[in-house]
Amino acid sequence: MTLQEITPLIETSLAGLKVDPALCRGEKPGQWSYKLKDATVWIDVFTSDVNQGKWYFQVMSPLCAVPNRKSAEFFQDLLEINHKMYGSWMCKKDGWMYVITLRETVNIDQSEIDASLDRVAFYSTDYHAKLSFKYEGSWDPKTPENTSGGRA
């Protein structure tokens, strides 16, 4: 499924969440972003240089920065949480943790897109609250350069 074929499905999912798909579109084709509850969610549809012609669907949400203290315990908890998650997982990139799902667009349907958006937003909101509470005091005070994750 190409970008042109999957775009209507993604925008139908966004409309189902009561957000305007036109307002969610990113700077580049195949990018959308929106805020749901406490989660910022990014959607990307792309092809890679390695697998030309193969399209991918990715949904991700910044969860939190890697803590400055208790990081070994934090990462152990994340590994155990990952085992409980369905259709998505947590990963680390550039000092940030994300909730993410990624798959080829082949045979993707509306229900899977809906579920992916729901899962990523739910897990991001839920685990942000739980980890922030459990690891309170483990992060240095926020400065402008460490206040939000960057789109991966």
C-alpha atoms as a PDB file:
ATOM      1  CA  MET A   1       0.000   0.000   0.000  1.00  0.00           C
ATOM      2  CA  THR A   2       1.468   3.366  -1.034  1.00  0.00           C
ATOM      3  CA  LEU A   3       1.241   6.752   0.659  1.00  0.00           C
ATOM      4  CA  GLN A   4      -1.653   7.715  -1.619  1.00  0.00           C
ATOM      5  CA  GLU A   5      -3.554   4.545  -0.682  1.00  0.00           C
ATOM      6  CA  ILE A   6      -3.006   4.710   3.086  1.00  0.00           C
ATOM      7  CA  THR A   7      -3.605   8.461   3.526  1.00  0.00           C
ATOM      8  CA  PRO A   8      -7.443   8.200   3.436  1.00  0.00           C
ATOM      9  CA  LEU A   9      -7.323   5.432   6.063  1.00  0.00           C
ATOM     10  CA  ILE A  10      -5.122   7.491   8.387  1.00  0.00           C
ATOM     11  CA  GLU A  11      -7.264  10.581   7.948  1.00  0.00           C
ATOM     12  CA  THR A  12     -10.412   8.548   8.652  1.00  0.00           C
ATOM     13  CA  SER A  13      -8.796   7.352  11.897  1.00  0.00           C
ATOM     14  CA  LEU A  14      -7.891  10.912  12.865  1.00  0.00           C
ATOM     15  CA  ALA A  15     -11.432  12.123  12.163  1.00  0.00           C
ATOM     16  CA  GLY A  16     -12.699   9.265  14.348  1.00  0.00           C
ATOM     17  CA  LEU A  17     -10.607  10.687  17.195  1.00  0.00           C
ATOM     18  CA  LYS A  18     -12.390  14.027  16.708  1.00  0.00           C
ATOM     19  CA  VAL A  19      -9.302  15.789  15.365  1.00  0.00           C
ATOM     20  CA  ASP A  20      -9.184  17.573  12.023  1.00  0.00           C
ATOM     21  CA  PRO A  21      -6.870  15.607   9.703  1.00  0.00           C
ATOM     22  CA  ALA A  22      -6.026  18.765   7.741  1.00  0.00           C
ATOM     23  CA  LEU A  23      -4.708  20.411  10.917  1.00  0.00           C
ATOM     24  CA  CYS A  24      -2.648  17.304  11.733  1.00  0.00           C
ATOM     25  CA  ARG A  25      -0.716  17.169   8.456  1.00  0.00           C
ATOM     26  CA  GLY A  26       3.013  17.712   8.815  1.00  0.00           C
ATOM     27  CA  GLU A  27       5.536  19.618   6.777  1.00  0.00           C
ATOM     28  CA  LYS A  28       6.170  16.645   4.487  1.00  0.00           C
ATOM     29  CA  PRO A  29       3.719  14.268   2.800  1.00  0.00           C
ATOM     30  CA  GLY A  30       3.201  11.195   4.964  1.00  0.00           C
ATOM     31  CA  GLN A  31       3.471  13.045   8.286  1.00  0.00           C
ATOM     32  CA  TRP A  32       0.719  13.824  10.772  1.00  0.00           C
ATOM     33  CA  SER A  33       0.821  14.816  14.444  1.00  0.00           C
ATOM     34  CA  TYR A  34      -1.817  15.406  17.078  1.00  0.00           C
ATOM     35  CA  LYS A  35      -2.293  15.581  20.819  1.00  0.00           C
ATOM     36  CA  LEU A  36      -4.646  13.179  22.562  1.00  0.00           C
ATOM     37  CA  LYS A  37      -5.040  13.444  26.326  1.00  0.00           C
ATOM     38  CA  ASP A  38      -1.460  13.925  27.538  1.00  0.00           C
ATOM     39  CA  ALA A  39       0.175  12.206  24.563  1.00  0.00           C
ATOM     40  CA  THR A  40       1.704  13.818  21.522  1.00  0.00           C
ATOM     41  CA  VAL A  41       1.418  11.323  18.667  1.00  0.00           C
ATOM     42  CA  TRP A  42       3.334  11.335  15.392  1.00  0.00           C
ATOM     43  CA  ILE A  43       2.307   9.299  12.362  1.00  0.00           C
ATOM     44  CA  ASP A  44       4.752   8.663   9.530  1.00  0.00           C
ATOM     45  CA  VAL A  45       4.324   6.788   6.272  1.00  0.00           C
ATOM     46  CA  PHE A  46       7.584   6.374   4.423  1.00  0.00           C
ATOM     47  CA  THR A  47       9.756   4.261   2.187  1.00  0.00           C
ATOM     48  CA  SER A  48      13.421   3.604   2.866  1.00  0.00           C
ATOM     49  CA  ASP A  49      16.453   3.945   0.636  1.00  0.00           C
ATOM     50  CA  VAL A  50      17.262   0.306   1.345  1.00  0.00           C
ATOM     51  CA  ASN A  51      13.838  -1.078   0.414  1.00  0.00           C
ATOM     52  CA  GLN A  52      12.641   1.129  -2.420  1.00  0.00           C
ATOM     53  CA  GLY A  53       8.985   0.558  -3.175  1.00  0.00           C
ATOM     54  CA  LYS A  54       8.273  -0.933   0.260  1.00  0.00           C
ATOM     55  CA  TRP A  55       6.170   1.409   2.427  1.00  0.00           C
ATOM     56  CA  TYR A  56       6.083   1.567   6.229  1.00  0.00           C
ATOM     57  CA  PHE A  57       3.525   2.845   8.742  1.00  0.00           C
ATOM     58  CA  GLN A  58       4.892   4.183  12.032  1.00  0.00           C
ATOM     59  CA  VAL A  59       3.124   5.684  15.024  1.00  0.00           C
ATOM     60  CA  MET A  60       5.204   7.025  17.897  1.00  0.00           C
ATOM     61  CA  SER A  61       4.902   9.220  20.948  1.00  0.00           C
ATOM     62  CA  PRO A  62       7.614  10.748  23.142  1.00  0.00           C
ATOM     63  CA  LEU A  63       7.263   9.131  26.573  1.00  0.00           C
ATOM     64  CA  CYS A  64       9.969  10.823  28.650  1.00  0.00           C
ATOM     65  CA  ALA A  65      13.635  11.682  28.733  1.00  0.00           C
ATOM     66  CA  VAL A  66      15.982   9.015  30.031  1.00  0.00           C
ATOM     67  CA  PRO A  67      16.368   9.738  33.750  1.00  0.00           C
ATOM     68  CA  ASN A  68      19.627  11.160  35.044  1.00  0.00           C
ATOM     69  CA  ARG A  69      19.522   8.859  38.070  1.00  0.00           C
ATOM     70  CA  LYS A  70      18.266   5.269  38.612  1.00  0.00           C
ATOM     71  CA  SER A  71      18.645   4.544  34.896  1.00  0.00           C
ATOM     72  CA  ALA A  72      19.481   0.846  35.329  1.00  0.00           C
ATOM     73  CA  GLU A  73      16.297   0.294  37.369  1.00  0.00           C
ATOM     74  CA  PHE A  74      14.338   2.421  34.873  1.00  0.00           C
ATOM     75  CA  PHE A  75      15.526   0.367  31.869  1.00  0.00           C
ATOM     76  CA  GLN A  76      14.792  -2.888  33.708  1.00  0.00           C
ATOM     77  CA  ASP A  77      11.227  -1.686  34.311  1.00  0.00           C
ATOM     78  CA  LEU A  78      10.852  -0.752  30.639  1.00  0.00           C
ATOM     79  CA  LEU A  79      11.979  -4.211  29.527  1.00  0.00           C
ATOM     80  CA  GLU A  80       9.371  -5.779  31.791  1.00  0.00           C
ATOM     81  CA  ILE A  81       6.679  -3.330  30.636  1.00  0.00           C
ATOM     82  CA  ASN A  82       7.482  -4.100  26.981  1.00  0.00           C
ATOM     83  CA  HIS A  83       6.538  -7.717  27.613  1.00  0.00           C
ATOM     84  CA  LYS A  84       3.024  -6.602  28.671  1.00  0.00           C
ATOM     85  CA  MET A  85       2.373  -4.332  25.685  1.00  0.00           C
ATOM     86  CA  TYR A  86       0.336  -5.345  22.630  1.00  0.00           C
ATOM     87  CA  GLY A  87       1.197  -4.234  19.120  1.00  0.00           C
ATOM     88  CA  SER A  88       3.707  -1.617  20.237  1.00  0.00           C
ATOM     89  CA  TRP A  89       6.799  -1.234  22.371  1.00  0.00           C
ATOM     90  CA  MET A  90       9.102   1.274  24.042  1.00  0.00           C
ATOM     91  CA  CYS A  91      12.431   2.247  22.557  1.00  0.00           C
ATOM     92  CA  LYS A  92      15.269   4.699  23.211  1.00  0.00           C
ATOM     93  CA  LYS A  93      16.601   7.247  20.749  1.00  0.00           C
ATOM     94  CA  ASP A  94      18.899  10.183  21.506  1.00  0.00           C
ATOM     95  CA  GLY A  95      18.250  10.320  25.241  1.00  0.00           C
ATOM     96  CA  TRP A  96      14.476   9.943  24.932  1.00  0.00           C
ATOM     97  CA  MET A  97      12.085   7.049  25.385  1.00  0.00           C
ATOM     98  CA  TYR A  98       9.242   6.576  22.913  1.00  0.00           C
ATOM     99  CA  VAL A  99       6.206   4.361  22.558  1.00  0.00           C
ATOM    100  CA  ILE A 100       6.213   3.120  18.970  1.00  0.00           C
ATOM    101  CA  THR A 101       4.638   0.772  16.482  1.00  0.00           C
ATOM    102  CA  LEU A 102       6.104   0.132  13.045  1.00  0.00           C
ATOM    103  CA  ARG A 103       5.082  -2.203  10.251  1.00  0.00           C
ATOM    104  CA  GLU A 104       4.917  -2.568   6.488  1.00  0.00           C
ATOM    105  CA  THR A 105       1.797  -1.104   4.903  1.00  0.00           C
ATOM    106  CA  VAL A 106       1.072  -4.334   3.010  1.00  0.00           C
ATOM    107  CA  ASN A 107      -2.402  -5.629   3.982  1.00  0.00           C
ATOM    108  CA  ILE A 108      -2.940  -2.912   6.592  1.00  0.00           C
ATOM    109  CA  ASP A 109      -6.581  -2.040   7.178  1.00  0.00           C
ATOM    110  CA  GLN A 110      -8.641   0.597   8.942  1.00  0.00           C
ATOM    111  CA  SER A 111      -9.009  -1.387  12.158  1.00  0.00           C
ATOM    112  CA  GLU A 112      -5.245  -1.853  12.506  1.00  0.00           C
ATOM    113  CA  ILE A 113      -4.579   1.853  11.974  1.00  0.00           C
ATOM    114  CA  ASP A 114      -7.271   2.723  14.533  1.00  0.00           C
ATOM    115  CA  ALA A 115      -5.800   0.250  17.034  1.00  0.00           C
ATOM    116  CA  SER A 116      -2.248   1.526  16.492  1.00  0.00           C
ATOM    117  CA  LEU A 117      -3.245   5.127  17.180  1.00  0.00           C
ATOM    118  CA  ASP A 118      -5.232   4.084  20.251  1.00  0.00           C
ATOM    119  CA  ARG A 119      -2.472   1.872  21.673  1.00  0.00           C
ATOM    120  CA  VAL A 120       0.358   4.346  21.270  1.00  0.00           C
ATOM    121  CA  ALA A 121      -1.632   7.228  22.802  1.00  0.00           C
ATOM    122  CA  PHE A 122      -2.919   5.061  25.669  1.00  0.00           C
ATOM    123  CA  TYR A 123       0.461   3.528  26.539  1.00  0.00           C
ATOM    124  CA  SER A 124       2.237   6.873  26.295  1.00  0.00           C
ATOM    125  CA  THR A 125      -0.232   8.590  28.621  1.00  0.00           C
ATOM    126  CA  ASP A 126      -0.490   5.670  31.051  1.00  0.00           C
ATOM    127  CA  TYR A 127       3.204   4.877  31.375  1.00  0.00           C
ATOM    128  CA  HIS A 128       4.287   8.506  31.443  1.00  0.00           C
ATOM    129  CA  ALA A 129       2.170   8.968  34.563  1.00  0.00           C
ATOM    130  CA  LYS A 130       3.366   5.726  36.179  1.00  0.00           C
ATOM    131  CA  LEU A 131       7.066   6.237  35.402  1.00  0.00           C
ATOM    132  CA  SER A 132       6.997   9.923  36.393  1.00  0.00           C
ATOM    133  CA  PHE A 133       5.536   8.937  39.755  1.00  0.00           C
ATOM    134  CA  LYS A 134       7.856   5.974  40.354  1.00  0.00           C
ATOM    135  CA  TYR A 135      11.012   7.821  39.302  1.00  0.00           C
ATOM    136  CA  GLU A 136      10.147  11.240  40.671  1.00  0.00           C
ATOM    137  CA  GLY A 137      13.344  13.163  41.385  1.00  0.00           C
ATOM    138  CA  SER A 138      15.370  11.068  38.907  1.00  0.00           C
ATOM    139  CA  TRP A 139      15.431  13.777  36.241  1.00  0.00           C
ATOM    140  CA  ASP A 140      17.448  16.975  36.393  1.00  0.00           C
ATOM    141  CA  PRO A 141      15.403  20.181  36.220  1.00  0.00           C
ATOM    142  CA  LYS A 142      14.166  20.966  32.715  1.00  0.00           C
ATOM    143  CA  THR A 143      16.074  23.349  30.494  1.00  0.00           C
ATOM    144  CA  PRO A 144      15.026  24.515  27.016  1.00  0.00           C
ATOM    145  CA  GLU A 145      17.208  21.899  25.302  1.00  0.00           C
ATOM    146  CA  ASN A 146      15.748  18.915  27.173  1.00  0.00           C
ATOM    147  CA  THR A 147      12.033  19.652  27.379  1.00  0.00           C
ATOM    148  CA  SER A 148      10.676  17.563  24.511  1.00  0.00           C
ATOM    149  CA  GLY A 149      11.546  14.648  22.317  1.00  0.00           C
ATOM    150  CA  GLY A 150      12.343  15.237  18.681  1.00  0.00           C
ATOM    151  CA  ARG A 151      10.611  13.502  15.824  1.00  0.00           C
ATOM    152  CA  ALA A 152      12.617  10.402  15.001  1.00  0.00           C
END
